[in-house]
N, C-alpha and C. Protein backbone atom coordinates (compact mmCIF):
# COMPACT_ATOMS: atom_id res chain seq x y z
N VAL A 1 0.86 -1.17 0.00
CA VAL A 1 0.00 0.00 0.00
C VAL A 1 0.90 1.22 0.00
N ALA A 2 0.62 2.16 -0.85
CA ALA A 2 1.35 3.42 -0.85
C ALA A 2 0.33 4.55 -0.87
N LEU A 3 0.41 5.44 0.08
CA LEU A 3 -0.50 6.57 0.15
C LEU A 3 0.28 7.83 -0.17
N TRP A 4 -0.24 8.64 -1.05
CA TRP A 4 0.40 9.89 -1.39
C TRP A 4 -0.30 11.01 -0.65
N PRO A 5 0.45 11.84 0.07
CA PRO A 5 -0.18 12.96 0.77
C PRO A 5 -0.95 13.84 -0.21
N ALA A 6 -2.10 14.32 0.21
CA ALA A 6 -2.95 15.12 -0.66
C ALA A 6 -2.26 16.43 -1.06
N ILE A 7 -1.55 17.03 -0.11
CA ILE A 7 -0.88 18.30 -0.37
C ILE A 7 0.52 18.23 0.23
N GLY A 8 1.50 18.72 -0.47
CA GLY A 8 2.81 18.86 0.15
C GLY A 8 3.80 17.78 -0.20
N ALA A 9 4.32 17.12 0.81
CA ALA A 9 5.46 16.22 0.70
C ALA A 9 5.37 15.25 -0.47
N PRO A 10 6.47 15.10 -1.21
CA PRO A 10 6.47 14.19 -2.35
C PRO A 10 6.63 12.72 -1.96
N ASP A 11 7.02 12.45 -0.71
CA ASP A 11 7.27 11.08 -0.30
C ASP A 11 5.96 10.35 -0.03
N ALA A 12 5.91 9.10 -0.45
CA ALA A 12 4.74 8.26 -0.18
C ALA A 12 4.88 7.67 1.21
N VAL A 13 3.76 7.43 1.84
CA VAL A 13 3.73 6.69 3.09
C VAL A 13 3.60 5.23 2.67
N LYS A 14 4.52 4.39 3.09
CA LYS A 14 4.54 3.01 2.61
C LYS A 14 4.32 2.02 3.74
N TYR A 15 3.49 1.06 3.47
CA TYR A 15 3.23 -0.02 4.41
C TYR A 15 2.97 -1.26 3.57
N THR A 16 3.93 -2.16 3.49
CA THR A 16 3.80 -3.31 2.61
C THR A 16 4.04 -4.60 3.37
N PRO A 17 2.99 -5.21 3.91
CA PRO A 17 3.16 -6.45 4.65
C PRO A 17 3.42 -7.63 3.71
N LYS A 18 4.16 -8.60 4.20
CA LYS A 18 4.47 -9.79 3.42
C LYS A 18 3.30 -10.77 3.52
N ASP A 19 2.97 -11.41 2.41
CA ASP A 19 1.91 -12.43 2.36
C ASP A 19 0.57 -11.92 2.87
N CYS A 20 0.29 -10.66 2.60
CA CYS A 20 -0.96 -10.05 3.05
C CYS A 20 -1.63 -9.29 1.90
N ARG A 21 -2.91 -9.10 2.05
CA ARG A 21 -3.67 -8.24 1.14
C ARG A 21 -4.28 -7.16 2.01
N SER A 22 -4.06 -5.91 1.64
CA SER A 22 -4.54 -4.78 2.44
C SER A 22 -5.56 -3.97 1.66
N ILE A 23 -6.58 -3.51 2.35
CA ILE A 23 -7.60 -2.65 1.76
C ILE A 23 -7.71 -1.41 2.62
N ILE A 24 -7.54 -0.25 2.01
CA ILE A 24 -7.72 1.01 2.72
C ILE A 24 -9.21 1.29 2.76
N THR A 25 -9.76 1.43 3.96
CA THR A 25 -11.22 1.57 4.08
C THR A 25 -11.68 2.98 4.40
N GLY A 26 -10.77 3.89 4.71
CA GLY A 26 -11.23 5.25 4.94
C GLY A 26 -10.22 6.16 5.60
N LEU A 27 -10.30 7.42 5.22
CA LEU A 27 -9.48 8.48 5.79
C LEU A 27 -10.15 8.99 7.06
N ALA A 28 -9.36 9.21 8.10
CA ALA A 28 -9.89 9.77 9.35
C ALA A 28 -10.52 11.13 9.06
N PRO A 29 -11.56 11.50 9.81
CA PRO A 29 -12.19 12.80 9.60
C PRO A 29 -11.22 13.98 9.65
N ASP A 30 -10.16 13.87 10.45
CA ASP A 30 -9.19 14.97 10.53
C ASP A 30 -8.08 14.86 9.48
N GLY A 31 -8.12 13.80 8.66
CA GLY A 31 -7.17 13.64 7.57
C GLY A 31 -5.79 13.16 7.96
N THR A 32 -5.58 12.71 9.19
CA THR A 32 -4.24 12.33 9.64
C THR A 32 -3.93 10.85 9.55
N ALA A 33 -4.94 10.01 9.33
CA ALA A 33 -4.72 8.56 9.35
C ALA A 33 -5.69 7.87 8.41
N GLU A 34 -5.29 6.68 8.01
CA GLU A 34 -6.13 5.80 7.18
C GLU A 34 -6.41 4.53 7.97
N LEU A 35 -7.59 3.96 7.76
CA LEU A 35 -7.89 2.63 8.28
C LEU A 35 -7.48 1.62 7.22
N VAL A 36 -6.77 0.60 7.63
CA VAL A 36 -6.34 -0.46 6.71
C VAL A 36 -6.82 -1.78 7.29
N VAL A 37 -7.56 -2.55 6.48
CA VAL A 37 -7.97 -3.89 6.85
C VAL A 37 -7.06 -4.84 6.08
N GLN A 38 -6.44 -5.76 6.82
CA GLN A 38 -5.41 -6.61 6.24
C GLN A 38 -5.77 -8.08 6.44
N THR A 39 -5.65 -8.86 5.38
CA THR A 39 -5.87 -10.31 5.44
C THR A 39 -4.56 -10.98 5.05
N CYS A 40 -4.07 -11.85 5.93
CA CYS A 40 -2.76 -12.47 5.72
C CYS A 40 -2.85 -13.99 5.83
N LYS A 41 -1.84 -14.66 5.26
CA LYS A 41 -1.74 -16.11 5.44
C LYS A 41 -1.62 -16.43 6.92
N ASP A 42 -0.86 -15.64 7.64
CA ASP A 42 -0.73 -15.77 9.09
C ASP A 42 -1.89 -14.97 9.71
N LEU A 43 -2.93 -15.65 10.19
CA LEU A 43 -4.12 -14.96 10.68
C LEU A 43 -3.83 -14.01 11.83
N ALA A 44 -2.76 -14.25 12.60
CA ALA A 44 -2.42 -13.34 13.71
C ALA A 44 -2.00 -11.97 13.18
N ALA A 45 -1.49 -11.91 11.96
CA ALA A 45 -1.11 -10.62 11.36
C ALA A 45 -2.31 -9.96 10.68
N SER A 46 -3.38 -10.74 10.47
CA SER A 46 -4.60 -10.18 9.90
C SER A 46 -5.27 -9.29 10.92
N GLY A 47 -5.99 -8.31 10.45
CA GLY A 47 -6.73 -7.45 11.37
C GLY A 47 -6.88 -6.05 10.81
N MET A 48 -7.12 -5.14 11.73
CA MET A 48 -7.34 -3.75 11.36
C MET A 48 -6.20 -2.91 11.91
N TYR A 49 -5.71 -2.00 11.09
CA TYR A 49 -4.59 -1.14 11.43
C TYR A 49 -4.99 0.32 11.21
N VAL A 50 -4.39 1.20 11.98
CA VAL A 50 -4.46 2.63 11.72
C VAL A 50 -3.09 3.03 11.20
N LEU A 51 -3.06 3.62 10.02
CA LEU A 51 -1.82 4.04 9.38
C LEU A 51 -1.71 5.55 9.50
N ASP A 52 -0.71 6.02 10.24
CA ASP A 52 -0.47 7.45 10.40
C ASP A 52 0.14 7.98 9.11
N ILE A 53 -0.51 8.93 8.49
CA ILE A 53 -0.07 9.43 7.20
C ILE A 53 1.26 10.19 7.29
N ASP A 54 1.47 10.97 8.35
CA ASP A 54 2.71 11.74 8.47
C ASP A 54 3.93 10.86 8.72
N SER A 55 3.81 9.91 9.66
CA SER A 55 4.97 9.10 10.04
C SER A 55 5.09 7.82 9.23
N GLY A 56 3.98 7.34 8.68
CA GLY A 56 3.99 6.06 7.99
C GLY A 56 3.87 4.88 8.92
N ASP A 57 3.75 5.12 10.23
CA ASP A 57 3.64 4.04 11.21
C ASP A 57 2.25 3.42 11.17
N ALA A 58 2.21 2.09 11.30
CA ALA A 58 0.94 1.37 11.35
C ALA A 58 0.79 0.76 12.73
N THR A 59 -0.38 0.94 13.34
CA THR A 59 -0.68 0.37 14.65
C THR A 59 -1.80 -0.65 14.48
N GLN A 60 -1.53 -1.90 14.89
CA GLN A 60 -2.55 -2.94 14.79
C GLN A 60 -3.54 -2.79 15.93
N LEU A 61 -4.83 -2.63 15.57
CA LEU A 61 -5.88 -2.48 16.58
C LEU A 61 -6.56 -3.79 16.91
N THR A 62 -6.67 -4.69 15.92
CA THR A 62 -7.35 -5.96 16.14
C THR A 62 -6.60 -7.08 15.45
N GLU A 63 -6.84 -8.31 15.89
CA GLU A 63 -6.39 -9.51 15.20
C GLU A 63 -7.61 -10.23 14.67
N GLY A 64 -7.44 -10.94 13.56
CA GLY A 64 -8.55 -11.68 12.97
C GLY A 64 -8.97 -11.04 11.67
N LEU A 65 -9.99 -11.61 11.07
CA LEU A 65 -10.45 -11.13 9.77
C LEU A 65 -11.44 -9.99 9.97
N ALA A 66 -10.99 -8.79 9.71
CA ALA A 66 -11.82 -7.58 9.86
C ALA A 66 -12.40 -7.19 8.51
N ALA A 67 -13.54 -6.51 8.56
CA ALA A 67 -14.18 -6.06 7.32
C ALA A 67 -14.99 -4.80 7.60
N SER A 68 -15.21 -4.03 6.56
CA SER A 68 -16.10 -2.87 6.59
C SER A 68 -15.80 -1.90 7.73
N ALA A 69 -14.53 -1.61 7.95
CA ALA A 69 -14.15 -0.68 9.01
C ALA A 69 -14.54 0.74 8.62
N ARG A 70 -15.13 1.46 9.56
CA ARG A 70 -15.59 2.82 9.31
C ARG A 70 -15.29 3.72 10.50
N TRP A 71 -14.76 4.92 10.22
CA TRP A 71 -14.54 5.94 11.26
C TRP A 71 -15.89 6.50 11.69
N SER A 72 -16.00 6.86 12.96
CA SER A 72 -17.16 7.63 13.41
C SER A 72 -17.02 9.04 12.85
N PRO A 73 -18.10 9.80 12.79
CA PRO A 73 -18.00 11.17 12.26
C PRO A 73 -17.00 12.05 13.01
N THR A 74 -16.78 11.79 14.31
CA THR A 74 -15.82 12.58 15.09
C THR A 74 -14.40 12.03 15.01
N GLY A 75 -14.26 10.78 14.53
CA GLY A 75 -12.95 10.15 14.46
C GLY A 75 -12.53 9.49 15.76
N GLU A 76 -13.38 9.54 16.78
CA GLU A 76 -13.04 8.94 18.08
C GLU A 76 -13.18 7.43 18.05
N TRP A 77 -14.15 6.92 17.30
CA TRP A 77 -14.47 5.49 17.29
C TRP A 77 -14.34 4.92 15.89
N ILE A 78 -14.17 3.60 15.84
CA ILE A 78 -14.15 2.85 14.59
C ILE A 78 -15.08 1.66 14.79
N THR A 79 -15.95 1.41 13.83
CA THR A 79 -16.79 0.22 13.88
C THR A 79 -16.41 -0.69 12.73
N PHE A 80 -16.59 -2.00 12.92
CA PHE A 80 -16.11 -2.96 11.92
C PHE A 80 -16.71 -4.33 12.20
N GLY A 81 -16.67 -5.19 11.19
CA GLY A 81 -17.01 -6.59 11.36
C GLY A 81 -15.73 -7.34 11.65
N LEU A 82 -15.80 -8.36 12.51
CA LEU A 82 -14.59 -9.10 12.88
C LEU A 82 -14.92 -10.57 13.11
N ALA A 83 -14.11 -11.43 12.49
CA ALA A 83 -14.14 -12.86 12.79
C ALA A 83 -12.88 -13.17 13.58
N PRO A 84 -12.96 -14.06 14.55
CA PRO A 84 -11.78 -14.38 15.36
C PRO A 84 -10.68 -15.02 14.52
N SER A 85 -9.45 -14.98 15.04
CA SER A 85 -8.31 -15.56 14.33
C SER A 85 -8.43 -17.08 14.19
N ILE A 86 -9.12 -17.71 15.12
CA ILE A 86 -9.28 -19.16 15.09
C ILE A 86 -10.68 -19.48 14.58
N GLY A 87 -10.76 -20.24 13.53
CA GLY A 87 -12.05 -20.68 13.00
C GLY A 87 -12.88 -19.59 12.37
N PRO A 88 -12.27 -18.64 11.63
CA PRO A 88 -13.08 -17.58 11.03
C PRO A 88 -14.00 -18.12 9.94
N SER A 89 -15.22 -17.61 9.93
CA SER A 89 -16.18 -17.93 8.88
C SER A 89 -17.26 -16.86 8.91
N ALA A 90 -18.13 -16.86 7.92
CA ALA A 90 -19.21 -15.87 7.88
C ALA A 90 -20.10 -15.99 9.11
N GLU A 91 -20.22 -17.19 9.65
CA GLU A 91 -21.08 -17.39 10.82
C GLU A 91 -20.47 -16.83 12.11
N THR A 92 -19.17 -16.57 12.10
CA THR A 92 -18.52 -16.07 13.33
C THR A 92 -18.29 -14.57 13.32
N VAL A 93 -18.61 -13.88 12.22
CA VAL A 93 -18.39 -12.44 12.13
C VAL A 93 -19.43 -11.70 12.97
N ARG A 94 -18.96 -10.75 13.78
CA ARG A 94 -19.82 -9.90 14.60
C ARG A 94 -19.39 -8.45 14.41
N VAL A 95 -20.26 -7.52 14.76
CA VAL A 95 -19.91 -6.10 14.69
C VAL A 95 -19.29 -5.68 16.01
N TRP A 96 -18.18 -4.97 15.91
CA TRP A 96 -17.42 -4.50 17.06
C TRP A 96 -17.22 -3.00 16.94
N ILE A 97 -16.76 -2.41 18.04
CA ILE A 97 -16.41 -0.99 18.08
C ILE A 97 -15.13 -0.86 18.91
N ILE A 98 -14.28 0.10 18.53
CA ILE A 98 -13.03 0.34 19.25
C ILE A 98 -12.70 1.82 19.11
N LYS A 99 -12.05 2.38 20.11
CA LYS A 99 -11.58 3.76 19.99
C LYS A 99 -10.38 3.78 19.05
N ALA A 100 -10.18 4.90 18.39
CA ALA A 100 -9.10 5.03 17.41
C ALA A 100 -7.72 4.83 18.03
N ASP A 101 -7.60 5.00 19.35
CA ASP A 101 -6.31 4.78 20.01
C ASP A 101 -6.12 3.33 20.43
N GLY A 102 -7.08 2.45 20.09
CA GLY A 102 -6.96 1.02 20.39
C GLY A 102 -7.60 0.59 21.70
N THR A 103 -8.18 1.51 22.46
CA THR A 103 -8.83 1.15 23.72
C THR A 103 -10.34 1.00 23.50
N GLY A 104 -11.00 0.45 24.49
CA GLY A 104 -12.46 0.40 24.48
C GLY A 104 -13.08 -0.63 23.56
N LEU A 105 -12.35 -1.67 23.17
CA LEU A 105 -12.88 -2.69 22.28
C LEU A 105 -14.08 -3.38 22.91
N ARG A 106 -15.19 -3.45 22.16
CA ARG A 106 -16.35 -4.19 22.65
C ARG A 106 -17.19 -4.69 21.48
N GLN A 107 -17.80 -5.82 21.70
CA GLN A 107 -18.67 -6.44 20.70
C GLN A 107 -20.04 -5.81 20.78
N LEU A 108 -20.62 -5.46 19.61
CA LEU A 108 -21.93 -4.82 19.58
C LEU A 108 -23.06 -5.78 19.22
N THR A 109 -22.76 -6.85 18.48
CA THR A 109 -23.82 -7.78 18.07
C THR A 109 -23.50 -9.20 18.52
N ASP A 110 -24.56 -9.97 18.75
CA ASP A 110 -24.41 -11.38 19.09
C ASP A 110 -24.81 -12.29 17.94
N VAL A 111 -25.26 -11.70 16.85
CA VAL A 111 -25.67 -12.48 15.67
C VAL A 111 -24.72 -12.16 14.52
N PRO A 112 -24.58 -13.08 13.56
CA PRO A 112 -23.69 -12.81 12.43
C PRO A 112 -24.06 -11.52 11.71
N SER A 113 -23.11 -10.64 11.59
CA SER A 113 -23.29 -9.38 10.87
C SER A 113 -21.91 -8.76 10.67
N SER A 114 -21.74 -8.06 9.55
CA SER A 114 -20.39 -7.57 9.28
C SER A 114 -20.32 -6.24 8.54
N PHE A 115 -21.43 -5.58 8.30
CA PHE A 115 -21.39 -4.34 7.53
C PHE A 115 -21.98 -3.18 8.32
N PRO A 116 -21.27 -2.74 9.37
CA PRO A 116 -21.78 -1.64 10.18
C PRO A 116 -21.68 -0.30 9.46
N ALA A 117 -22.50 0.63 9.88
CA ALA A 117 -22.46 2.00 9.34
C ALA A 117 -22.87 2.95 10.45
N TRP A 118 -22.33 4.14 10.41
CA TRP A 118 -22.70 5.18 11.36
C TRP A 118 -23.97 5.86 10.87
N VAL A 119 -24.89 6.13 11.80
CA VAL A 119 -26.14 6.78 11.47
C VAL A 119 -26.23 8.06 12.30
N SER A 120 -26.63 9.15 11.67
CA SER A 120 -26.72 10.40 12.42
C SER A 120 -27.87 10.33 13.42
N ASP A 121 -27.81 11.15 14.45
CA ASP A 121 -28.87 11.20 15.45
C ASP A 121 -30.20 11.58 14.82
N GLU A 122 -30.17 12.41 13.78
CA GLU A 122 -31.40 12.84 13.13
C GLU A 122 -32.11 11.66 12.49
N ILE A 123 -31.36 10.75 11.87
CA ILE A 123 -31.97 9.59 11.23
C ILE A 123 -32.41 8.58 12.29
N ALA A 124 -31.64 8.42 13.34
CA ALA A 124 -31.93 7.40 14.37
C ALA A 124 -33.13 7.77 15.22
N SER A 125 -33.48 9.06 15.34
CA SER A 125 -34.58 9.43 16.22
C SER A 125 -35.93 9.28 15.57
């Protein structure tokens, strides 16, 4: 994966894992980071990462097969579908939420589901 800064520096931010496939799922609302969902032969390396655009550093937030990761409108939270590293399948995927700094991980659903989306308060009421 190579991300080019929108304005300014000519250097690309590079993050290239071995034996993995990475999908960039969204730019943080403040424009400083990207969410990257990674699937690897080694399931422990699979998961969701936050890639800092300025430094190029990637921080792994979860292990397992993650999907449909989305930033909250404020950038404080990330929601995503996740299957555990052991025995992943469509039947084991649940919706989770985590703070962008990696704290506060919690499962939101008890039934198979994997495509979460943020809804505004106006629509939810």
